[in-house]
């Protein structure tokens, strides 16, 4: 829904643990970035005590969004013409192991900060914790999209951009180890 409203880039998720019917550590508030940054909703796993009281036989996830607050914070601007790109975008996958306490949102911000004007987006396509991943760490894989508006990207340019991103991640998170 947030993607359809084209506000997914203005959303930030903040962990929360003080809502009694939600599982602490598995709940987040949905914050709409802006002048006053209102909290427009909450989502997460129901607390095990709540699940037991309701006699559910499985884990239950719920969410709530204040649609009135969300819609009142949308801007209804006239769409602007944007020329379609003439040169094809390129994707590269980047996978690494990083401490659990680092959010994927922070990693995405670091990737964006480390890259140049070729960067278009970074999407998570794999997140794993368990066997073959050290305790207290997670394996994360991002698909990074690069595109040059003036020319077709060469392998050298792509490799240099990915290297800049890797260096930016290593600088921000020295404990990260990259998977090949």
Protein backbone atom coordinates (compact mmCIF):
# COMPACT_ATOMS: atom_id res chain seq x y z
CA UNK A 1 0.00 0.00 0.00
CA UNK A 2 2.82 2.39 0.90
CA UNK A 3 4.48 1.63 -2.43
CA UNK A 4 1.25 2.24 -4.32
CA UNK A 5 0.88 5.62 -2.60
CA UNK A 6 4.51 6.28 -3.63
CA UNK A 7 5.58 7.12 -0.08
CA UNK A 8 7.68 4.02 0.67
CA UNK A 9 10.83 6.17 0.49
CA UNK A 10 9.36 8.41 3.23
CA UNK A 11 8.75 5.52 5.64
CA UNK A 12 10.98 4.56 8.54
CA UNK A 13 10.45 1.62 10.88
CA UNK A 14 11.35 2.00 14.55
CA UNK A 15 11.48 -0.98 16.91
CA UNK A 16 9.11 -0.70 19.87
CA UNK A 17 8.69 -2.94 22.90
CA UNK A 18 6.20 -1.18 25.18
CA UNK A 19 2.90 -2.31 23.61
CA UNK A 20 1.52 -5.02 25.88
CA UNK A 21 -0.22 -7.17 23.26
CA UNK A 22 2.82 -7.20 20.90
CA UNK A 23 5.90 -9.38 21.26
CA UNK A 24 8.78 -7.18 22.50
CA UNK A 25 11.60 -7.16 19.96
CA UNK A 26 9.33 -8.24 17.11
CA UNK A 27 7.32 -5.08 16.74
CA UNK A 28 7.88 -1.78 14.94
CA UNK A 29 6.14 1.53 14.51
CA UNK A 30 5.65 2.97 11.04
CA UNK A 31 6.86 6.56 10.94
CA UNK A 32 6.16 8.91 8.04
CA UNK A 33 9.19 11.13 7.56
CA UNK A 34 8.47 14.82 7.16
CA UNK A 35 8.11 18.03 9.14
CA UNK A 36 6.43 16.48 12.16
CA UNK A 37 7.17 12.77 11.40
CA UNK A 38 3.91 11.24 12.69
CA UNK A 39 3.63 7.59 13.65
CA UNK A 40 1.00 6.26 11.26
CA UNK A 41 0.87 2.66 12.42
CA UNK A 42 2.32 -0.37 14.14
CA UNK A 43 2.96 -3.95 13.06
CA UNK A 44 4.45 -7.05 14.57
CA UNK A 45 3.99 -10.42 16.19
CA UNK A 46 1.35 -10.83 18.87
CA UNK A 47 2.71 -11.48 22.36
CA UNK A 48 2.74 -15.22 23.23
CA UNK A 49 0.46 -14.53 26.22
CA UNK A 50 -2.09 -12.86 23.93
CA UNK A 51 -1.85 -15.76 21.46
CA UNK A 52 -2.45 -18.21 24.32
CA UNK A 53 -5.42 -16.24 25.72
CA UNK A 54 -7.02 -16.10 22.27
CA UNK A 55 -6.31 -19.84 21.80
CA UNK A 56 -4.54 -19.43 18.45
CA UNK A 57 -2.50 -22.50 17.48
CA UNK A 58 0.13 -20.56 15.53
CA UNK A 59 2.12 -17.34 15.53
CA UNK A 60 -0.03 -14.35 14.62
CA UNK A 61 1.11 -11.07 13.04
CA UNK A 62 -1.04 -7.95 13.02
CA UNK A 63 -0.79 -4.38 11.83
CA UNK A 64 -2.72 -1.19 12.15
CA UNK A 65 -2.48 1.97 10.07
CA UNK A 66 -4.19 5.28 10.79
CA UNK A 67 -5.47 5.97 7.27
CA UNK A 68 -6.82 9.43 8.11
CA UNK A 69 -3.42 10.51 9.44
CA UNK A 70 -1.66 8.89 6.49
CA UNK A 71 -3.89 10.52 3.89
CA UNK A 72 -3.75 13.92 5.59
CA UNK A 73 0.05 13.84 5.24
CA UNK A 74 0.07 13.03 1.53
CA UNK A 75 0.86 15.75 -0.95
CA UNK A 76 -1.24 15.86 -4.07
CA UNK A 77 1.14 17.39 -6.55
CA UNK A 78 0.63 17.34 -10.26
CA UNK A 79 2.82 14.64 -11.81
CA UNK A 80 5.78 15.98 -13.72
CA UNK A 81 7.06 14.68 -17.00
CA UNK A 82 10.24 12.68 -16.64
CA UNK A 83 11.99 11.40 -19.71
CA UNK A 84 12.34 7.65 -19.90
CA UNK A 85 15.93 6.45 -19.63
CA UNK A 86 17.63 5.70 -22.92
CA UNK A 87 20.21 3.39 -21.39
CA UNK A 88 19.52 0.11 -19.67
CA UNK A 89 19.80 -0.32 -15.91
CA UNK A 90 22.13 -2.97 -14.49
CA UNK A 91 21.69 -5.00 -11.31
CA UNK A 92 24.35 -6.57 -9.13
CA UNK A 93 23.89 -8.67 -6.02
CA UNK A 94 25.87 -7.93 -2.88
CA UNK A 95 25.72 -10.35 0.05
CA UNK A 96 27.39 -10.08 3.43
CA UNK A 97 27.21 -11.13 7.06
CA UNK A 98 26.59 -8.34 9.55
CA UNK A 99 25.63 -8.04 13.24
CA UNK A 100 21.91 -8.52 13.96
CA UNK A 101 21.51 -5.12 15.61
CA UNK A 102 22.14 -3.26 12.34
CA UNK A 103 18.86 -2.63 10.54
CA UNK A 104 18.40 -3.20 6.83
CA UNK A 105 17.19 0.39 6.63
CA UNK A 106 20.56 1.61 7.98
CA UNK A 107 22.39 -0.61 5.48
CA UNK A 108 20.34 0.82 2.61
CA UNK A 109 21.16 4.36 3.72
CA UNK A 110 24.87 3.46 3.89
CA UNK A 111 24.75 1.96 0.37
CA UNK A 112 23.08 5.09 -0.99
CA UNK A 113 25.58 7.35 0.77
CA UNK A 114 28.60 5.39 -0.52
CA UNK A 115 27.47 5.31 -4.13
CA UNK A 116 27.54 7.90 -6.88
CA UNK A 117 24.94 9.26 -9.26
CA UNK A 118 24.76 5.83 -10.94
CA UNK A 119 22.86 4.38 -7.97
CA UNK A 120 19.10 3.91 -8.47
CA UNK A 121 17.96 1.55 -5.70
CA UNK A 122 18.90 -1.28 -3.34
CA UNK A 123 16.38 -4.02 -2.57
CA UNK A 124 16.76 -6.80 -0.02
CA UNK A 125 16.13 -10.19 -1.55
CA UNK A 126 17.54 -12.49 1.13
CA UNK A 127 17.80 -12.36 4.90
CA UNK A 128 18.99 -15.41 6.82
CA UNK A 129 19.85 -16.25 10.40
CA UNK A 130 20.72 -19.74 11.55
CA UNK A 131 23.03 -22.54 10.61
CA UNK A 132 26.35 -21.41 9.02
CA UNK A 133 25.85 -17.83 10.23
CA UNK A 134 27.68 -16.81 13.43
CA UNK A 135 25.64 -16.25 16.59
CA UNK A 136 24.42 -12.64 16.83
CA UNK A 137 24.80 -12.07 13.08
CA UNK A 138 22.61 -12.23 9.98
CA UNK A 139 23.26 -12.84 6.32
CA UNK A 140 21.80 -10.12 4.11
CA UNK A 141 21.72 -9.92 0.32
CA UNK A 142 20.86 -6.78 -1.65
CA UNK A 143 20.12 -6.36 -5.33
CA UNK A 144 21.64 -3.02 -6.34
CA UNK A 145 20.39 -1.23 -9.46
CA UNK A 146 22.75 1.11 -11.31
CA UNK A 147 22.03 3.26 -14.34
CA UNK A 148 23.80 6.00 -16.23
CA UNK A 149 21.55 8.53 -17.98
CA UNK A 150 24.27 9.52 -20.45
CA UNK A 151 25.82 6.23 -21.60
CA UNK A 152 25.69 2.47 -21.44
CA UNK A 153 27.46 1.21 -18.33
CA UNK A 154 30.68 -0.70 -18.90
CA UNK A 155 31.86 -3.58 -16.71
CA UNK A 156 34.66 -1.34 -15.42
CA UNK A 157 32.24 1.39 -14.29
CA UNK A 158 29.92 -1.17 -12.69
CA UNK A 159 32.78 -2.92 -10.87
CA UNK A 160 34.16 0.42 -9.65
CA UNK A 161 30.73 1.45 -8.32
CA UNK A 162 30.20 -1.87 -6.53
CA UNK A 163 33.70 -1.56 -5.05
CA UNK A 164 32.85 1.96 -3.75
CA UNK A 165 29.71 0.55 -2.14
CA UNK A 166 31.64 -2.34 -0.56
CA UNK A 167 34.24 0.08 0.82
CA UNK A 168 31.51 2.35 2.20
CA UNK A 169 29.87 -0.61 3.93
CA UNK A 170 33.19 -1.86 5.30
CA UNK A 171 33.99 1.63 6.63
CA UNK A 172 30.57 2.00 8.28
CA UNK A 173 30.45 -1.61 9.54
CA UNK A 174 34.01 -2.94 10.01
CA UNK A 175 32.68 -6.23 11.38
CA UNK A 176 30.86 -7.01 8.09
CA UNK A 177 32.21 -9.86 5.98
CA UNK A 178 31.25 -10.17 2.32
CA UNK A 179 30.09 -13.40 0.70
CA UNK A 180 31.14 -14.21 -2.84
